[in-house]
Structure formats: C-alpha cells, structure tokens
C-alpha atoms as a PDB file:
ATOM      1  CA  MET A   1      20.260 -19.536  -5.297  1.00  0.00           C
ATOM      2  CA  GLN A   2      18.025 -20.251  -2.285  1.00  0.00           C
ATOM      3  CA  GLU A   3      19.059 -16.908  -0.775  1.00  0.00           C
ATOM      4  CA  MET A   4      18.037 -15.093  -3.956  1.00  0.00           C
ATOM      5  CA  GLU A   5      14.614 -16.779  -3.954  1.00  0.00           C
ATOM      6  CA  SER A   6      14.103 -15.764  -0.321  1.00  0.00           C
ATOM      7  CA  THR A   7      15.079 -12.187  -1.102  1.00  0.00           C
ATOM      8  CA  VAL A   8      12.692 -11.998  -4.053  1.00  0.00           C
ATOM      9  CA  MET A   9       9.881 -13.542  -2.001  1.00  0.00           C
ATOM     10  CA  GLU A  10      10.499 -10.934   0.700  1.00  0.00           C
ATOM     11  CA  LEU A  11      10.164  -8.215  -1.938  1.00  0.00           C
ATOM     12  CA  ILE A  12       6.835  -9.733  -3.055  1.00  0.00           C
ATOM     13  CA  ILE A  13       5.577  -9.956   0.522  1.00  0.00           C
ATOM     14  CA  HIS A  14       6.397  -6.320   1.310  1.00  0.00           C
ATOM     15  CA  ALA A  15       4.908  -5.128  -1.977  1.00  0.00           C
ATOM     16  CA  GLY A  16       1.745  -7.156  -1.335  1.00  0.00           C
ATOM     17  CA  GLU A  17       1.490  -5.701   2.152  1.00  0.00           C
ATOM     18  CA  ALA A  18       1.829  -2.186   0.719  1.00  0.00           C
ATOM     19  CA  ARG A  19      -0.939  -2.771  -1.815  1.00  0.00           C
ATOM     20  CA  SER A  20      -3.218  -4.420   0.735  1.00  0.00           C
ATOM     21  CA  SER A  21      -2.737  -1.617   3.272  1.00  0.00           C
ATOM     22  CA  SER A  22      -3.463   0.959   0.564  1.00  0.00           C
ATOM     23  CA  MET A  23      -6.735  -0.694  -0.370  1.00  0.00           C
ATOM     24  CA  GLN A  24      -7.717  -1.032   3.293  1.00  0.00           C
ATOM     25  CA  ALA A  25      -6.982   2.677   3.723  1.00  0.00           C
ATOM     26  CA  LEU A  26      -9.343   3.481   0.865  1.00  0.00           C
ATOM     27  CA  GLN A  27     -12.064   1.362   2.446  1.00  0.00           C
ATOM     28  CA  ALA A  28     -11.574   3.184   5.759  1.00  0.00           C
ATOM     29  CA  ALA A  29     -11.780   6.552   3.988  1.00  0.00           C
ATOM     30  CA  ARG A  30     -15.082   5.579   2.363  1.00  0.00           C
ATOM     31  CA  LYS A  31     -16.415   5.177   5.921  1.00  0.00           C
ATOM     32  CA  HIS A  32     -14.820   8.495   6.941  1.00  0.00           C
ATOM     33  CA  HIS A  33     -12.476   6.727   9.343  1.00  0.00           C
ATOM     34  CA  TRP A  34      -9.671   9.195   8.710  1.00  0.00           C
ATOM     35  CA  GLN A  35      -7.260   8.145  11.464  1.00  0.00           C
ATOM     36  CA  GLU A  36      -7.475   4.516  10.360  1.00  0.00           C
ATOM     37  CA  ALA A  37      -6.974   5.547   6.726  1.00  0.00           C
ATOM     38  CA  ASP A  38      -3.931   7.626   7.641  1.00  0.00           C
ATOM     39  CA  ALA A  39      -2.427   4.797   9.704  1.00  0.00           C
ATOM     40  CA  LEU A  40      -2.966   2.312   6.880  1.00  0.00           C
ATOM     41  CA  LEU A  41      -1.373   4.674   4.362  1.00  0.00           C
ATOM     42  CA  ALA A  42       1.625   5.014   6.673  1.00  0.00           C
ATOM     43  CA  SER A  43       1.811   1.226   6.871  1.00  0.00           C
ATOM     44  CA  ALA A  44       1.638   1.041   3.069  1.00  0.00           C
ATOM     45  CA  ARG A  45       4.478   3.566   2.759  1.00  0.00           C
ATOM     46  CA  ASP A  46       6.610   1.606   5.231  1.00  0.00           C
ATOM     47  CA  ALA A  47       6.027  -1.700   3.444  1.00  0.00           C
ATOM     48  CA  ALA A  48       6.764  -0.124   0.049  1.00  0.00           C
ATOM     49  CA  ARG A  49       9.945   1.407   1.464  1.00  0.00           C
ATOM     50  CA  GLU A  50      11.098  -2.024   2.647  1.00  0.00           C
ATOM     51  CA  ALA A  51      10.336  -3.551  -0.760  1.00  0.00           C
ATOM     52  CA  HIS A  52      12.154  -0.703  -2.467  1.00  0.00           C
ATOM     53  CA  LYS A  53      15.226  -1.277  -0.258  1.00  0.00           C
ATOM     54  CA  ILE A  54      15.323  -4.885  -1.429  1.00  0.00           C
ATOM     55  CA  GLN A  55      14.912  -3.811  -5.047  1.00  0.00           C
ATOM     56  CA  THR A  56      17.734  -1.284  -4.671  1.00  0.00           C
ATOM     57  CA  ALA A  57      20.004  -3.936  -3.125  1.00  0.00           C
ATOM     58  CA  LEU A  58      19.286  -6.288  -6.025  1.00  0.00           C
ATOM     59  CA  ILE A  59      20.042  -3.557  -8.553  1.00  0.00           C
ATOM     60  CA  GLY A  60      23.266  -2.757  -6.731  1.00  0.00           C
ATOM     61  CA  ALA A  61      24.293  -6.421  -6.637  1.00  0.00           C
ATOM     62  CA  ASP A  62      23.647  -6.730 -10.365  1.00  0.00           C
ATOM     63  CA  GLU A  63      25.884  -3.717 -11.119  1.00  0.00           C
ATOM     64  CA  GLY A  64      24.221  -3.417 -14.519  1.00  0.00           C
ATOM     65  CA  CYS A  65      26.149  -6.463 -15.684  1.00  0.00           C
ATOM     66  CA  GLY A  66      23.525  -9.207 -15.590  1.00  0.00           C
ATOM     67  CA  LYS A  67      24.925 -10.755 -12.405  1.00  0.00           C
ATOM     68  CA  ILE A  68      21.408 -11.295 -11.072  1.00  0.00           C
ATOM     69  CA  PRO A  69      19.450 -13.818 -13.139  1.00  0.00           C
ATOM     70  CA  VAL A  70      16.188 -12.410 -14.419  1.00  0.00           C
ATOM     71  CA  ASN A  71      13.577 -15.109 -14.175  1.00  0.00           C
ATOM     72  CA  LEU A  72       9.803 -15.152 -13.997  1.00  0.00           C
ATOM     73  CA  ILE A  73       9.693 -14.760 -10.213  1.00  0.00           C
ATOM     74  CA  MET A  74      11.956 -11.699 -10.429  1.00  0.00           C
ATOM     75  CA  VAL A  75       9.684 -10.135 -13.058  1.00  0.00           C
ATOM     76  CA  HIS A  76       6.677 -11.018 -10.910  1.00  0.00           C
ATOM     77  CA  ALA A  77       8.269  -9.303  -7.909  1.00  0.00           C
ATOM     78  CA  GLN A  78       8.957  -6.160  -9.923  1.00  0.00           C
ATOM     79  CA  ASP A  79       5.343  -6.134 -11.135  1.00  0.00           C
ATOM     80  CA  HIS A  80       4.112  -6.411  -7.562  1.00  0.00           C
ATOM     81  CA  LEU A  81       6.259  -3.519  -6.424  1.00  0.00           C
ATOM     82  CA  MET A  82       5.285  -1.249  -9.309  1.00  0.00           C
ATOM     83  CA  ASN A  83       1.588  -2.030  -8.813  1.00  0.00           C
ATOM     84  CA  ALA A  84       1.816  -1.463  -5.068  1.00  0.00           C
ATOM     85  CA  MET A  85       3.490   1.913  -5.518  1.00  0.00           C
ATOM     86  CA  LEU A  86       0.981   3.008  -8.148  1.00  0.00           C
ATOM     87  CA  CYS A  87      -1.897   1.767  -6.017  1.00  0.00           C
ATOM     88  CA  ARG A  88      -0.663   3.729  -2.999  1.00  0.00           C
ATOM     89  CA  ASP A  89      -0.260   6.919  -5.032  1.00  0.00           C
ATOM     90  CA  LEU A  90      -3.760   6.629  -6.471  1.00  0.00           C
ATOM     91  CA  VAL A  91      -5.295   5.736  -3.109  1.00  0.00           C
ATOM     92  CA  GLU A  92      -3.699   8.800  -1.536  1.00  0.00           C
ATOM     93  CA  GLU A  93      -5.351  10.966  -4.192  1.00  0.00           C
ATOM     94  CA  LEU A  94      -8.706   9.222  -3.771  1.00  0.00           C
ATOM     95  CA  ILE A  95      -8.590   9.677  -0.002  1.00  0.00           C
ATOM     96  CA  TYR A  96      -7.818  13.348  -0.504  1.00  0.00           C
ATOM     97  CA  LEU A  97     -10.903  13.599  -2.727  1.00  0.00           C
ATOM     98  CA  HIS A  98     -13.055  11.752  -0.187  1.00  0.00           C
ATOM     99  CA  ARG A  99     -11.987  14.280   2.435  1.00  0.00           C
ATOM    100  CA  GLN A 100     -12.769  17.199   0.132  1.00  0.00           C
ATOM    101  CA  VAL A 101     -16.216  15.803  -0.654  1.00  0.00           C
ATOM    102  CA  GLN A 102     -16.937  15.377   3.045  1.00  0.00           C
ATOM    103  CA  GLU A 103     -15.839  18.956   3.766  1.00  0.00           C
ATOM    104  CA  LEU A 104     -17.984  20.302   0.933  1.00  0.00           C
ATOM    105  CA  SER A 105     -20.948  18.289   2.164  1.00  0.00           C
ATOM    106  CA  LYS A 106     -20.546  19.741   5.659  1.00  0.00           C
ATOM    107  CA  THR A 107     -20.351  23.260   4.235  1.00  0.00           C
ATOM    108  CA  HIS A 108     -23.494  22.837   2.146  1.00  0.00           C
ATOM    109  CA  LEU A 109     -25.463  21.322   5.012  1.00  0.00           C
ATOM    110  CA  GLN A 110     -24.830  24.305   7.274  1.00  0.00           C
END
C-alpha cells in the first residue's frame, strides 16, 4: 500500500511540475523571452510524459479488473495530470499567439 501511495504522489509531483513549467513559459512569452518559454515548454512536456508513464503503468497493473483501489488521492492525481496536460496545450497556443502578435507589431512598425 505504501508503494502505491508513493507512486501516486510521484504522478502528482510530475503533473504539478508540468503545469508549473507551462505557466512559467507563458509568463516568459509575455516578456518576449522566447528561448526561456521554449525551454519551459520542453520541461513541461518532459514532466507530463513522466506522469503519463506512471498513469499508464497503473492502468496496466489494474488490467481493467479493479486491482488498483480507486481512492480520493488517485482521483486527485488523475485531475492533476488532466489539468496539467490541458494547461500545457493551451499555453502552447497562447505562446503561438503572442509570437504572432509580436511579428505583426514589428511589421506594422516598419
């Protein structure tokens, strides 16, 4: 049981890191710090990938048979991962838009 709690906490930590890195990337993009934004997005993708690996292992261990107990912490972990992945996707789009706005501003100023 202790091992399962550690695994779920690891999933939460990686998902939280992914969300945090995504939001930091957006803040960097607002300042037009593109390299920093790109690096933070890469970090967010890596953290989400690690969380997703844990999620996939848990699903595999469950085998669709209810072998893994679903408790509040498990639901919480899944929420964190889903929110982190959605956040990253939206941040990527927002950063793209920030870049487009900057390019348009440069074009109009010339």
